[in-house]
Amino acid sequence: MAHAICKLFLSSKGRRTMAVPETGIQSFVLRIWLEEVQQQDGHTRWRGHITDIATGERQYVESLDGIIAFLVPRLELMGVNIGLRWRVQNWLAHAPPIRRSPEST
């Protein structure tokens, strides 16, 4: 089931009122900033957070993978087929390294 977003309006009396929910639409705010300290390789590190407007849920991120990981479950709730290829690539990118036992070397 997709989340619905309701737009807030001010009534003529200054009260907030909710309009009819927009189905099939999700809104997010993505804030990104640069860290002042450069990494050893000369690149400046960035950080940020993404906020789901409907729920207020916020996740801090340090990579594009973090942004994607936040969005994928929400896209799936909307009925988007993410696909097996992306899932396998994501799993491989986050899988712990394989440790070989001393006997196998």
C-alpha atoms as a PDB file:
ATOM      1  CA  MET A   1       0.000   0.000   0.000  1.00  0.00           C
ATOM      2  CA  ALA A   2       1.430   3.409  -0.963  1.00  0.00           C
ATOM      3  CA  HIS A   3       1.590   6.174   1.592  1.00  0.00           C
ATOM      4  CA  ALA A   4      -0.642   9.109   0.868  1.00  0.00           C
ATOM      5  CA  ILE A   5       0.546  12.665   1.221  1.00  0.00           C
ATOM      6  CA  CYS A   6      -1.851  15.363   2.340  1.00  0.00           C
ATOM      7  CA  LYS A   7      -1.121  18.951   1.473  1.00  0.00           C
ATOM      8  CA  LEU A   8      -1.619  21.411   4.315  1.00  0.00           C
ATOM      9  CA  PHE A   9      -3.545  24.590   3.687  1.00  0.00           C
ATOM     10  CA  LEU A  10      -4.388  27.508   5.936  1.00  0.00           C
ATOM     11  CA  SER A  11      -8.082  28.160   6.241  1.00  0.00           C
ATOM     12  CA  SER A  12      -9.469  31.681   6.256  1.00  0.00           C
ATOM     13  CA  LYS A  13      -9.425  31.500  10.066  1.00  0.00           C
ATOM     14  CA  GLY A  14      -5.698  30.690  10.141  1.00  0.00           C
ATOM     15  CA  ARG A  15      -6.151  27.000  11.006  1.00  0.00           C
ATOM     16  CA  ARG A  16      -4.309  24.265   9.182  1.00  0.00           C
ATOM     17  CA  THR A  17      -6.564  21.985   7.190  1.00  0.00           C
ATOM     18  CA  MET A  18      -5.763  18.864   5.218  1.00  0.00           C
ATOM     19  CA  ALA A  19      -6.648  18.527   1.570  1.00  0.00           C
ATOM     20  CA  VAL A  20      -7.539  15.267  -0.135  1.00  0.00           C
ATOM     21  CA  PRO A  21      -4.516  12.912  -0.039  1.00  0.00           C
ATOM     22  CA  GLU A  22      -2.429  12.529  -3.178  1.00  0.00           C
ATOM     23  CA  THR A  23      -2.027   8.805  -3.792  1.00  0.00           C
ATOM     24  CA  GLY A  24       0.929   7.434  -5.682  1.00  0.00           C
ATOM     25  CA  ILE A  25       3.119  10.395  -4.729  1.00  0.00           C
ATOM     26  CA  GLN A  26       5.851  10.477  -2.144  1.00  0.00           C
ATOM     27  CA  SER A  27       7.997  13.462  -1.252  1.00  0.00           C
ATOM     28  CA  PHE A  28      11.416  13.537   0.336  1.00  0.00           C
ATOM     29  CA  VAL A  29      13.861  16.201   1.404  1.00  0.00           C
ATOM     30  CA  LEU A  30      17.504  15.443   0.754  1.00  0.00           C
ATOM     31  CA  ARG A  31      20.065  17.661   2.484  1.00  0.00           C
ATOM     32  CA  ILE A  32      23.727  17.280   1.635  1.00  0.00           C
ATOM     33  CA  TRP A  33      26.726  19.112   3.043  1.00  0.00           C
ATOM     34  CA  LEU A  34      30.476  18.879   2.658  1.00  0.00           C
ATOM     35  CA  GLU A  35      32.733  18.064   5.569  1.00  0.00           C
ATOM     36  CA  GLU A  36      35.555  20.553   6.035  1.00  0.00           C
ATOM     37  CA  VAL A  37      38.226  17.889   6.491  1.00  0.00           C
ATOM     38  CA  GLN A  38      39.590  16.303   3.334  1.00  0.00           C
ATOM     39  CA  GLN A  39      40.330  12.588   3.263  1.00  0.00           C
ATOM     40  CA  GLN A  40      43.883  11.334   2.715  1.00  0.00           C
ATOM     41  CA  ASP A  41      43.192  10.841  -0.985  1.00  0.00           C
ATOM     42  CA  GLY A  42      42.352  14.547  -1.365  1.00  0.00           C
ATOM     43  CA  HIS A  43      38.594  14.097  -1.714  1.00  0.00           C
ATOM     44  CA  THR A  44      36.203  16.053   0.472  1.00  0.00           C
ATOM     45  CA  ARG A  45      33.724  13.831   2.256  1.00  0.00           C
ATOM     46  CA  TRP A  46      30.020  14.608   2.047  1.00  0.00           C
ATOM     47  CA  ARG A  47      27.218  13.680   4.382  1.00  0.00           C
ATOM     48  CA  GLY A  48      23.516  14.258   4.442  1.00  0.00           C
ATOM     49  CA  HIS A  49      20.122  13.058   5.467  1.00  0.00           C
ATOM     50  CA  ILE A  50      16.951  12.151   3.651  1.00  0.00           C
ATOM     51  CA  THR A  51      13.566  12.744   5.223  1.00  0.00           C
ATOM     52  CA  ASP A  52      10.256  11.162   4.250  1.00  0.00           C
ATOM     53  CA  ILE A  53       7.837  14.086   4.306  1.00  0.00           C
ATOM     54  CA  ALA A  54       4.761  11.930   4.999  1.00  0.00           C
ATOM     55  CA  THR A  55       6.170  10.054   7.984  1.00  0.00           C
ATOM     56  CA  GLY A  56       8.951  12.348   9.206  1.00  0.00           C
ATOM     57  CA  GLU A  57      11.353   9.402   9.178  1.00  0.00           C
ATOM     58  CA  ARG A  58      14.935  10.571   8.657  1.00  0.00           C
ATOM     59  CA  GLN A  59      18.053   8.633   7.783  1.00  0.00           C
ATOM     60  CA  TYR A  60      21.579  10.011   7.762  1.00  0.00           C
ATOM     61  CA  VAL A  61      23.624   9.007   4.728  1.00  0.00           C
ATOM     62  CA  GLU A  62      27.245   9.094   3.595  1.00  0.00           C
ATOM     63  CA  SER A  63      26.850   7.497   0.163  1.00  0.00           C
ATOM     64  CA  LEU A  64      24.491   7.173  -2.751  1.00  0.00           C
ATOM     65  CA  ASP A  65      23.889   3.609  -1.587  1.00  0.00           C
ATOM     66  CA  GLY A  66      22.412   4.980   1.639  1.00  0.00           C
ATOM     67  CA  ILE A  67      19.993   7.163  -0.296  1.00  0.00           C
ATOM     68  CA  ILE A  68      18.972   4.259  -2.501  1.00  0.00           C
ATOM     69  CA  ALA A  69      18.542   1.947   0.494  1.00  0.00           C
ATOM     70  CA  PHE A  70      16.161   4.492   2.034  1.00  0.00           C
ATOM     71  CA  LEU A  71      14.128   4.890  -1.168  1.00  0.00           C
ATOM     72  CA  VAL A  72      13.853   1.257  -2.328  1.00  0.00           C
ATOM     73  CA  PRO A  73      11.377   0.031   0.334  1.00  0.00           C
ATOM     74  CA  ARG A  74       9.167   3.049  -0.311  1.00  0.00           C
ATOM     75  CA  LEU A  75       9.236   2.468  -4.055  1.00  0.00           C
ATOM     76  CA  GLU A  76       8.294  -1.169  -3.485  1.00  0.00           C
ATOM     77  CA  LEU A  77       5.312  -0.061  -1.358  1.00  0.00           C
ATOM     78  CA  MET A  78       4.210   1.995  -4.355  1.00  0.00           C
ATOM     79  CA  GLY A  79       4.350  -1.146  -6.517  1.00  0.00           C
ATOM     80  CA  VAL A  80       7.658  -0.478  -8.292  1.00  0.00           C
ATOM     81  CA  ASN A  81       9.507  -3.657  -9.276  1.00  0.00           C
ATOM     82  CA  ILE A  82      13.110  -3.002  -8.244  1.00  0.00           C
ATOM     83  CA  GLY A  83      14.467  -6.065  -9.992  1.00  0.00           C
ATOM     84  CA  LEU A  84      16.752  -8.912  -9.083  1.00  0.00           C
ATOM     85  CA  ARG A  85      19.891  -7.399 -10.621  1.00  0.00           C
ATOM     86  CA  TRP A  86      19.851  -4.397  -8.268  1.00  0.00           C
ATOM     87  CA  ARG A  87      19.099  -6.611  -5.268  1.00  0.00           C
ATOM     88  CA  VAL A  88      22.053  -8.904  -6.009  1.00  0.00           C
ATOM     89  CA  GLN A  89      24.414  -5.969  -6.590  1.00  0.00           C
ATOM     90  CA  ASN A  90      23.277  -4.337  -3.363  1.00  0.00           C
ATOM     91  CA  TRP A  91      23.646  -7.583  -1.409  1.00  0.00           C
ATOM     92  CA  LEU A  92      27.156  -8.153  -2.790  1.00  0.00           C
ATOM     93  CA  ALA A  93      28.173  -4.589  -1.981  1.00  0.00           C
ATOM     94  CA  HIS A  94      27.127  -5.022   1.652  1.00  0.00           C
ATOM     95  CA  ALA A  95      28.046  -8.657   2.242  1.00  0.00           C
ATOM     96  CA  PRO A  96      30.829  -9.280   4.768  1.00  0.00           C
ATOM     97  CA  PRO A  97      34.132 -10.362   3.264  1.00  0.00           C
ATOM     98  CA  ILE A  98      34.688 -14.092   2.910  1.00  0.00           C
ATOM     99  CA  ARG A  99      37.231 -15.369   5.414  1.00  0.00           C
ATOM    100  CA  ARG A 100      39.189 -18.401   4.449  1.00  0.00           C
ATOM    101  CA  SER A 101      40.204 -20.888   7.089  1.00  0.00           C
ATOM    102  CA  PRO A 102      43.936 -21.565   7.511  1.00  0.00           C
ATOM    103  CA  GLU A 103      43.431 -25.148   6.287  1.00  0.00           C
ATOM    104  CA  SER A 104      42.192 -23.981   2.856  1.00  0.00           C
ATOM    105  CA  THR A 105      45.356 -22.000   1.983  1.00  0.00           C
END
